[in-house]
Amino acid sequence: DEIVQVIASQILIAESEAELERLRARPDVRPVTANGIAGTPDRVAEALLAGVAQGARRVHVSFADSPRSDGTQLFVERVLPHLTA
């Protein structure tokens, strides 16, 4: 048996800081928790890759703007390729 280090994080992602602030102001977007990551795709990828560099082998994310699919789609297009490279 092996213990696997996992990153579990809530994500709020947007194309720009201005869009991120607009999302944060929406009543249907949950506040990002202390272990969450809010930012542009580059910022989110950087934060997750830092965890991978420290030994994490799995990443589990939830999206603060769910059920909207915009954040999920942006994550898939712009962040996920960095994690699977």
PDB file of N, CA and C in Angstrom:
ATOM      1  N   ASP A   1       0.832  -1.186   0.000  1.00  0.00           N
ATOM      2  CA  ASP A   1       0.000   0.000   0.000  1.00  0.00           C
ATOM      3  C   ASP A   1       0.875   1.247   0.000  1.00  0.00           C
ATOM      4  N   GLU A   2       0.316   2.283  -0.587  1.00  0.00           N
ATOM      5  CA  GLU A   2       1.060   3.530  -0.727  1.00  0.00           C
ATOM      6  C   GLU A   2       0.141   4.707  -0.411  1.00  0.00           C
ATOM      7  N   ILE A   3       0.673   5.681   0.283  1.00  0.00           N
ATOM      8  CA  ILE A   3      -0.060   6.921   0.520  1.00  0.00           C
ATOM      9  C   ILE A   3       0.283   7.875  -0.615  1.00  0.00           C
ATOM     10  N   VAL A   4      -0.749   8.413  -1.243  1.00  0.00           N
ATOM     11  CA  VAL A   4      -0.565   9.314  -2.370  1.00  0.00           C
ATOM     12  C   VAL A   4      -0.961  10.721  -1.947  1.00  0.00           C
ATOM     13  N   GLN A   5      -0.065  11.659  -2.161  1.00  0.00           N
ATOM     14  CA  GLN A   5      -0.368  13.053  -1.833  1.00  0.00           C
ATOM     15  C   GLN A   5      -1.316  13.616  -2.882  1.00  0.00           C
ATOM     16  N   VAL A   6      -2.371  14.282  -2.409  1.00  0.00           N
ATOM     17  CA  VAL A   6      -3.406  14.833  -3.279  1.00  0.00           C
ATOM     18  C   VAL A   6      -3.572  16.322  -2.994  1.00  0.00           C
ATOM     19  N   ILE A   7      -3.738  17.104  -4.037  1.00  0.00           N
ATOM     20  CA  ILE A   7      -4.121  18.504  -3.896  1.00  0.00           C
ATOM     21  C   ILE A   7      -5.635  18.549  -4.027  1.00  0.00           C
ATOM     22  N   ALA A   8      -6.313  19.105  -3.049  1.00  0.00           N
ATOM     23  CA  ALA A   8      -7.762  19.311  -3.119  1.00  0.00           C
ATOM     24  C   ALA A   8      -8.001  20.806  -3.000  1.00  0.00           C
ATOM     25  N   SER A   9      -8.581  21.397  -4.024  1.00  0.00           N
ATOM     26  CA  SER A   9      -8.704  22.846  -4.029  1.00  0.00           C
ATOM     27  C   SER A   9      -9.961  23.302  -4.745  1.00  0.00           C
ATOM     28  N   GLN A  10     -10.545  24.343  -4.207  1.00  0.00           N
ATOM     29  CA  GLN A  10     -11.640  25.021  -4.886  1.00  0.00           C
ATOM     30  C   GLN A  10     -11.007  26.033  -5.837  1.00  0.00           C
ATOM     31  N   ILE A  11     -11.564  26.146  -7.027  1.00  0.00           N
ATOM     32  CA  ILE A  11     -10.997  27.006  -8.060  1.00  0.00           C
ATOM     33  C   ILE A  11     -12.015  28.066  -8.472  1.00  0.00           C
ATOM     34  N   LEU A  12     -11.548  29.293  -8.590  1.00  0.00           N
ATOM     35  CA  LEU A  12     -12.295  30.349  -9.266  1.00  0.00           C
ATOM     36  C   LEU A  12     -11.341  30.907 -10.308  1.00  0.00           C
ATOM     37  N   ILE A  13     -11.687  30.733 -11.558  1.00  0.00           N
ATOM     38  CA  ILE A  13     -10.783  31.067 -12.651  1.00  0.00           C
ATOM     39  C   ILE A  13     -11.487  31.984 -13.642  1.00  0.00           C
ATOM     40  N   ALA A  14     -10.732  32.951 -14.153  1.00  0.00           N
ATOM     41  CA  ALA A  14     -11.261  33.889 -15.143  1.00  0.00           C
ATOM     42  C   ALA A  14     -10.116  34.357 -16.032  1.00  0.00           C
ATOM     43  N   GLU A  15     -10.466  34.861 -17.202  1.00  0.00           N
ATOM     44  CA  GLU A  15      -9.461  35.318 -18.167  1.00  0.00           C
ATOM     45  C   GLU A  15      -8.643  36.502 -17.658  1.00  0.00           C
ATOM     46  N   SER A  16      -9.241  37.327 -16.800  1.00  0.00           N
ATOM     47  CA  SER A  16      -8.550  38.529 -16.320  1.00  0.00           C
ATOM     48  C   SER A  16      -8.897  38.782 -14.859  1.00  0.00           C
ATOM     49  N   GLU A  17      -8.104  39.629 -14.224  1.00  0.00           N
ATOM     50  CA  GLU A  17      -8.387  40.010 -12.836  1.00  0.00           C
ATOM     51  C   GLU A  17      -9.717  40.752 -12.741  1.00  0.00           C
ATOM     52  N   ALA A  18     -10.029  41.568 -13.744  1.00  0.00           N
ATOM     53  CA  ALA A  18     -11.300  42.302 -13.739  1.00  0.00           C
ATOM     54  C   ALA A  18     -12.483  41.333 -13.789  1.00  0.00           C
ATOM     55  N   GLU A  19     -12.387  40.326 -14.642  1.00  0.00           N
ATOM     56  CA  GLU A  19     -13.460  39.324 -14.724  1.00  0.00           C
ATOM     57  C   GLU A  19     -13.543  38.526 -13.432  1.00  0.00           C
ATOM     58  N   LEU A  20     -12.422  38.246 -12.825  1.00  0.00           N
ATOM     59  CA  LEU A  20     -12.398  37.529 -11.553  1.00  0.00           C
ATOM     60  C   LEU A  20     -13.152  38.321 -10.482  1.00  0.00           C
ATOM     61  N   GLU A  21     -12.932  39.613 -10.427  1.00  0.00           N
ATOM     62  CA  GLU A  21     -13.634  40.454  -9.453  1.00  0.00           C
ATOM     63  C   GLU A  21     -15.133  40.495  -9.736  1.00  0.00           C
ATOM     64  N   ARG A  22     -15.513  40.513 -11.011  1.00  0.00           N
ATOM     65  CA  ARG A  22     -16.943  40.469 -11.353  1.00  0.00           C
ATOM     66  C   ARG A  22     -17.569  39.165 -10.880  1.00  0.00           C
ATOM     67  N   LEU A  23     -16.840  38.060 -11.048  1.00  0.00           N
ATOM     68  CA  LEU A  23     -17.349  36.765 -10.589  1.00  0.00           C
ATOM     69  C   LEU A  23     -17.495  36.740  -9.074  1.00  0.00           C
ATOM     70  N   ARG A  24     -16.497  37.255  -8.373  1.00  0.00           N
ATOM     71  CA  ARG A  24     -16.546  37.266  -6.902  1.00  0.00           C
ATOM     72  C   ARG A  24     -17.749  38.043  -6.377  1.00  0.00           C
ATOM     73  N   ALA A  25     -18.187  39.040  -7.117  1.00  0.00           N
ATOM     74  CA  ALA A  25     -19.312  39.874  -6.686  1.00  0.00           C
ATOM     75  C   ALA A  25     -20.670  39.220  -6.945  1.00  0.00           C
ATOM     76  N   ARG A  26     -20.693  38.175  -7.739  1.00  0.00           N
ATOM     77  CA  ARG A  26     -21.966  37.528  -8.067  1.00  0.00           C
ATOM     78  C   ARG A  26     -22.480  36.733  -6.871  1.00  0.00           C
ATOM     79  N   PRO A  27     -23.773  36.821  -6.592  1.00  0.00           N
ATOM     80  CA  PRO A  27     -24.330  36.085  -5.452  1.00  0.00           C
ATOM     81  C   PRO A  27     -24.367  34.571  -5.659  1.00  0.00           C
ATOM     82  N   ASP A  28     -24.295  34.119  -6.906  1.00  0.00           N
ATOM     83  CA  ASP A  28     -24.354  32.681  -7.177  1.00  0.00           C
ATOM     84  C   ASP A  28     -22.974  32.023  -7.230  1.00  0.00           C
ATOM     85  N   VAL A  29     -21.922  32.784  -6.989  1.00  0.00           N
ATOM     86  CA  VAL A  29     -20.559  32.237  -6.963  1.00  0.00           C
ATOM     87  C   VAL A  29     -20.131  32.115  -5.505  1.00  0.00           C
ATOM     88  N   ARG A  30     -19.739  30.901  -5.117  1.00  0.00           N
ATOM     89  CA  ARG A  30     -19.330  30.651  -3.736  1.00  0.00           C
ATOM     90  C   ARG A  30     -17.978  31.318  -3.434  1.00  0.00           C
ATOM     91  N   PRO A  31     -17.799  31.806  -2.207  1.00  0.00           N
ATOM     92  CA  PRO A  31     -16.497  32.374  -1.827  1.00  0.00           C
ATOM     93  C   PRO A  31     -15.412  31.292  -1.891  1.00  0.00           C
ATOM     94  N   VAL A  32     -14.228  31.691  -2.295  1.00  0.00           N
ATOM     95  CA  VAL A  32     -13.111  30.749  -2.371  1.00  0.00           C
ATOM     96  C   VAL A  32     -12.587  30.518  -0.959  1.00  0.00           C
ATOM     97  N   THR A  33     -12.435  29.261  -0.590  1.00  0.00           N
ATOM     98  CA  THR A  33     -11.987  28.883   0.746  1.00  0.00           C
ATOM     99  C   THR A  33     -10.486  29.132   0.917  1.00  0.00           C
ATOM    100  N   ALA A  34     -10.003  28.947   2.130  1.00  0.00           N
ATOM    101  CA  ALA A  34      -8.592  29.205   2.440  1.00  0.00           C
ATOM    102  C   ALA A  34      -7.637  28.362   1.599  1.00  0.00           C
ATOM    103  N   ASN A  35      -8.022  27.135   1.264  1.00  0.00           N
ATOM    104  CA  ASN A  35      -7.138  26.295   0.446  1.00  0.00           C
ATOM    105  C   ASN A  35      -7.470  26.415  -1.037  1.00  0.00           C
ATOM    106  N   GLY A  36      -8.287  27.401  -1.381  1.00  0.00           N
ATOM    107  CA  GLY A  36      -8.690  27.588  -2.767  1.00  0.00           C
ATOM    108  C   GLY A  36      -7.698  28.424  -3.554  1.00  0.00           C
ATOM    109  N   ILE A  37      -7.927  28.447  -4.855  1.00  0.00           N
ATOM    110  CA  ILE A  37      -7.085  29.213  -5.767  1.00  0.00           C
ATOM    111  C   ILE A  37      -8.006  30.064  -6.630  1.00  0.00           C
ATOM    112  N   ALA A  38      -7.776  31.355  -6.633  1.00  0.00           N
ATOM    113  CA  ALA A  38      -8.533  32.263  -7.487  1.00  0.00           C
ATOM    114  C   ALA A  38      -7.547  33.022  -8.353  1.00  0.00           C
ATOM    115  N   GLY A  39      -7.812  33.049  -9.651  1.00  0.00           N
ATOM    116  CA  GLY A  39      -6.927  33.794 -10.521  1.00  0.00           C
ATOM    117  C   GLY A  39      -7.130  33.482 -11.979  1.00  0.00           C
ATOM    118  N   THR A  40      -6.197  33.982 -12.754  1.00  0.00           N
ATOM    119  CA  THR A  40      -6.183  33.732 -14.187  1.00  0.00           C
ATOM    120  C   THR A  40      -5.693  32.301 -14.427  1.00  0.00           C
ATOM    121  N   PRO A  41      -5.849  31.788 -15.640  1.00  0.00           N
ATOM    122  CA  PRO A  41      -5.349  30.436 -15.913  1.00  0.00           C
ATOM    123  C   PRO A  41      -3.871  30.251 -15.562  1.00  0.00           C
ATOM    124  N   ASP A  42      -3.049  31.248 -15.851  1.00  0.00           N
ATOM    125  CA  ASP A  42      -1.622  31.132 -15.520  1.00  0.00           C
ATOM    126  C   ASP A  42      -1.408  31.011 -14.015  1.00  0.00           C
ATOM    127  N   ARG A  43      -2.125  31.807 -13.242  1.00  0.00           N
ATOM    128  CA  ARG A  43      -2.004  31.774 -11.774  1.00  0.00           C
ATOM    129  C   ARG A  43      -2.466  30.438 -11.220  1.00  0.00           C
ATOM    130  N   VAL A  44      -3.590  29.926 -11.723  1.00  0.00           N
ATOM    131  CA  VAL A  44      -4.114  28.647 -11.248  1.00  0.00           C
ATOM    132  C   VAL A  44      -3.142  27.524 -11.595  1.00  0.00           C
ATOM    133  N   ALA A  45      -2.639  27.511 -12.819  1.00  0.00           N
ATOM    134  CA  ALA A  45      -1.678  26.480 -13.223  1.00  0.00           C
ATOM    135  C   ALA A  45      -0.421  26.553 -12.364  1.00  0.00           C
ATOM    136  N   GLU A  46       0.076  27.750 -12.126  1.00  0.00           N
ATOM    137  CA  GLU A  46       1.279  27.939 -11.305  1.00  0.00           C
ATOM    138  C   GLU A  46       1.079  27.378  -9.897  1.00  0.00           C
ATOM    139  N   ALA A  47      -0.066  27.668  -9.301  1.00  0.00           N
ATOM    140  CA  ALA A  47      -0.339  27.196  -7.939  1.00  0.00           C
ATOM    141  C   ALA A  47      -0.449  25.676  -7.891  1.00  0.00           C
ATOM    142  N   LEU A  48      -1.125  25.084  -8.850  1.00  0.00           N
ATOM    143  CA  LEU A  48      -1.265  23.627  -8.858  1.00  0.00           C
ATOM    144  C   LEU A  48       0.069  22.944  -9.159  1.00  0.00           C
ATOM    145  N   LEU A  49       0.835  23.502 -10.074  1.00  0.00           N
ATOM    146  CA  LEU A  49       2.140  22.921 -10.388  1.00  0.00           C
ATOM    147  C   LEU A  49       3.098  23.014  -9.203  1.00  0.00           C
ATOM    148  N   ALA A  50       2.951  24.032  -8.373  1.00  0.00           N
ATOM    149  CA  ALA A  50       3.775  24.127  -7.163  1.00  0.00           C
ATOM    150  C   ALA A  50       3.484  22.947  -6.246  1.00  0.00           C
ATOM    151  N   GLY A  51       2.227  22.562  -6.131  1.00  0.00           N
ATOM    152  CA  GLY A  51       1.868  21.390  -5.332  1.00  0.00           C
ATOM    153  C   GLY A  51       2.405  20.107  -5.928  1.00  0.00           C
ATOM    154  N   VAL A  52       2.357  19.997  -7.242  1.00  0.00           N
ATOM    155  CA  VAL A  52       2.900  18.820  -7.920  1.00  0.00           C
ATOM    156  C   VAL A  52       4.411  18.748  -7.691  1.00  0.00           C
ATOM    157  N   ALA A  53       5.079  19.882  -7.749  1.00  0.00           N
ATOM    158  CA  ALA A  53       6.528  19.924  -7.517  1.00  0.00           C
ATOM    159  C   ALA A  53       6.890  19.488  -6.102  1.00  0.00           C
ATOM    160  N   GLN A  54       5.945  19.650  -5.173  1.00  0.00           N
ATOM    161  CA  GLN A  54       6.177  19.231  -3.788  1.00  0.00           C
ATOM    162  C   GLN A  54       5.778  17.779  -3.556  1.00  0.00           C
ATOM    163  N   GLY A  55       5.351  17.086  -4.616  1.00  0.00           N
ATOM    164  CA  GLY A  55       5.085  15.664  -4.488  1.00  0.00           C
ATOM    165  C   GLY A  55       3.660  15.202  -4.703  1.00  0.00           C
ATOM    166  N   ALA A  56       2.739  16.117  -4.927  1.00  0.00           N
ATOM    167  CA  ALA A  56       1.354  15.687  -5.168  1.00  0.00           C
ATOM    168  C   ALA A  56       1.274  14.919  -6.483  1.00  0.00           C
ATOM    169  N   ARG A  57       0.529  13.820  -6.449  1.00  0.00           N
ATOM    170  CA  ARG A  57       0.384  13.013  -7.660  1.00  0.00           C
ATOM    171  C   ARG A  57      -1.027  13.044  -8.217  1.00  0.00           C
ATOM    172  N   ARG A  58      -1.937  13.614  -7.452  1.00  0.00           N
ATOM    173  CA  ARG A  58      -3.319  13.747  -7.915  1.00  0.00           C
ATOM    174  C   ARG A  58      -3.821  15.138  -7.573  1.00  0.00           C
ATOM    175  N   VAL A  59      -4.747  15.609  -8.387  1.00  0.00           N
ATOM    176  CA  VAL A  59      -5.360  16.912  -8.169  1.00  0.00           C
ATOM    177  C   VAL A  59      -6.871  16.730  -8.195  1.00  0.00           C
ATOM    178  N   HIS A  60      -7.535  17.215  -7.158  1.00  0.00           N
ATOM    179  CA  HIS A  60      -8.998  17.181  -7.082  1.00  0.00           C
ATOM    180  C   HIS A  60      -9.465  18.624  -6.950  1.00  0.00           C
ATOM    181  N   VAL A  61     -10.274  19.068  -7.904  1.00  0.00           N
ATOM    182  CA  VAL A  61     -10.737  20.454  -7.869  1.00  0.00           C
ATOM    183  C   VAL A  61     -12.256  20.519  -7.897  1.00  0.00           C
ATOM    184  N   SER A  62     -12.778  21.578  -7.305  1.00  0.00           N
ATOM    185  CA  SER A  62     -14.185  21.940  -7.457  1.00  0.00           C
ATOM    186  C   SER A  62     -14.193  23.397  -7.895  1.00  0.00           C
ATOM    187  N   PHE A  63     -15.270  23.802  -8.516  1.00  0.00           N
ATOM    188  CA  PHE A  63     -15.318  25.138  -9.095  1.00  0.00           C
ATOM    189  C   PHE A  63     -16.317  26.012  -8.354  1.00  0.00           C
ATOM    190  N   ALA A  64     -15.854  27.178  -7.914  1.00  0.00           N
ATOM    191  CA  ALA A  64     -16.679  28.089  -7.126  1.00  0.00           C
ATOM    192  C   ALA A  64     -17.859  28.630  -7.922  1.00  0.00           C
ATOM    193  N   ASP A  65     -17.750  28.624  -9.243  1.00  0.00           N
ATOM    194  CA  ASP A  65     -18.835  29.153 -10.066  1.00  0.00           C
ATOM    195  C   ASP A  65     -19.755  28.068 -10.619  1.00  0.00           C
ATOM    196  N   SER A  66     -19.608  26.846 -10.144  1.00  0.00           N
ATOM    197  CA  SER A  66     -20.478  25.753 -10.573  1.00  0.00           C
ATOM    198  C   SER A  66     -21.906  26.066 -10.137  1.00  0.00           C
ATOM    199  N   PRO A  67     -22.918  25.800 -10.917  1.00  0.00           N
ATOM    200  CA  PRO A  67     -22.973  24.960 -12.110  1.00  0.00           C
ATOM    201  C   PRO A  67     -22.644  25.665 -13.421  1.00  0.00           C
ATOM    202  N   ARG A  68     -22.232  26.933 -13.401  1.00  0.00           N
ATOM    203  CA  ARG A  68     -21.783  27.556 -14.647  1.00  0.00           C
ATOM    204  C   ARG A  68     -20.616  26.737 -15.180  1.00  0.00           C
ATOM    205  N   SER A  69     -20.552  26.567 -16.469  1.00  0.00           N
ATOM    206  CA  SER A  69     -19.473  25.752 -17.032  1.00  0.00           C
ATOM    207  C   SER A  69     -18.293  26.585 -17.528  1.00  0.00           C
ATOM    208  N   ASP A  70     -18.394  27.907 -17.450  1.00  0.00           N
ATOM    209  CA  ASP A  70     -17.321  28.754 -17.983  1.00  0.00           C
ATOM    210  C   ASP A  70     -15.974  28.486 -17.315  1.00  0.00           C
ATOM    211  N   GLY A  71     -15.958  28.422 -15.995  1.00  0.00           N
ATOM    212  CA  GLY A  71     -14.715  28.178 -15.276  1.00  0.00           C
ATOM    213  C   GLY A  71     -14.150  26.800 -15.553  1.00  0.00           C
ATOM    214  N   THR A  72     -15.028  25.814 -15.607  1.00  0.00           N
ATOM    215  CA  THR A  72     -14.588  24.449 -15.905  1.00  0.00           C
ATOM    216  C   THR A  72     -13.971  24.384 -17.294  1.00  0.00           C
ATOM    217  N   GLN A  73     -14.625  24.993 -18.259  1.00  0.00           N
ATOM    218  CA  GLN A  73     -14.125  24.974 -19.635  1.00  0.00           C
ATOM    219  C   GLN A  73     -12.784  25.692 -19.744  1.00  0.00           C
ATOM    220  N   LEU A  74     -12.661  26.835 -19.087  1.00  0.00           N
ATOM    221  CA  LEU A  74     -11.400  27.575 -19.103  1.00  0.00           C
ATOM    222  C   LEU A  74     -10.284  26.750 -18.462  1.00  0.00           C
ATOM    223  N   PHE A  75     -10.592  26.053 -17.373  1.00  0.00           N
ATOM    224  CA  PHE A  75      -9.625  25.182 -16.711  1.00  0.00           C
ATOM    225  C   PHE A  75      -9.169  24.073 -17.658  1.00  0.00           C
ATOM    226  N   VAL A  76     -10.118  23.438 -18.322  1.00  0.00           N
ATOM    227  CA  VAL A  76      -9.795  22.337 -19.240  1.00  0.00           C
ATOM    228  C   VAL A  76      -8.915  22.828 -20.384  1.00  0.00           C
ATOM    229  N   GLU A  77      -9.244  23.980 -20.932  1.00  0.00           N
ATOM    230  CA  GLU A  77      -8.510  24.488 -22.091  1.00  0.00           C
ATOM    231  C   GLU A  77      -7.140  25.059 -21.743  1.00  0.00           C
ATOM    232  N   ARG A  78      -7.028  25.739 -20.602  1.00  0.00           N
ATOM    233  CA  ARG A  78      -5.819  26.515 -20.340  1.00  0.00           C
ATOM    234  C   ARG A  78      -4.952  26.021 -19.188  1.00  0.00           C
ATOM    235  N   VAL A  79      -5.517  25.222 -18.271  1.00  0.00           N
ATOM    236  CA  VAL A  79      -4.743  24.753 -17.115  1.00  0.00           C
ATOM    237  C   VAL A  79      -4.411  23.274 -17.245  1.00  0.00           C
ATOM    238  N   LEU A  80      -5.384  22.476 -17.576  1.00  0.00           N
ATOM    239  CA  LEU A  80      -5.190  21.026 -17.631  1.00  0.00           C
ATOM    240  C   LEU A  80      -4.013  20.602 -18.508  1.00  0.00           C
ATOM    241  N   PRO A  81      -3.792  21.215 -19.663  1.00  0.00           N
ATOM    242  CA  PRO A  81      -2.622  20.807 -20.462  1.00  0.00           C
ATOM    243  C   PRO A  81      -1.294  20.929 -19.707  1.00  0.00           C
ATOM    244  N   HIS A  82      -1.181  21.893 -18.794  1.00  0.00           N
ATOM    245  CA  HIS A  82       0.047  22.044 -18.000  1.00  0.00           C
ATOM    246  C   HIS A  82       0.208  20.905 -16.993  1.00  0.00           C
ATOM    247  N   LEU A  83      -0.909  20.362 -16.536  1.00  0.00           N
ATOM    248  CA  LEU A  83      -0.869  19.308 -15.517  1.00  0.00           C
ATOM    249  C   LEU A  83      -0.662  17.927 -16.117  1.00  0.00           C
ATOM    250  N   THR A  84      -0.982  17.775 -17.382  1.00  0.00           N
ATOM    251  CA  THR A  84      -0.865  16.459 -18.014  1.00  0.00           C
ATOM    252  C   THR A  84       0.360  16.358 -18.907  1.00  0.00           C
ATOM    253  N   ALA A  85       1.151  17.418 -18.959  1.00  0.00           N
ATOM    254  CA  ALA A  85       2.338  17.425 -19.829  1.00  0.00           C
ATOM    255  C   ALA A  85       3.442  16.562 -19.265  1.00  0.00           C
TER     256      ALA A  85
END
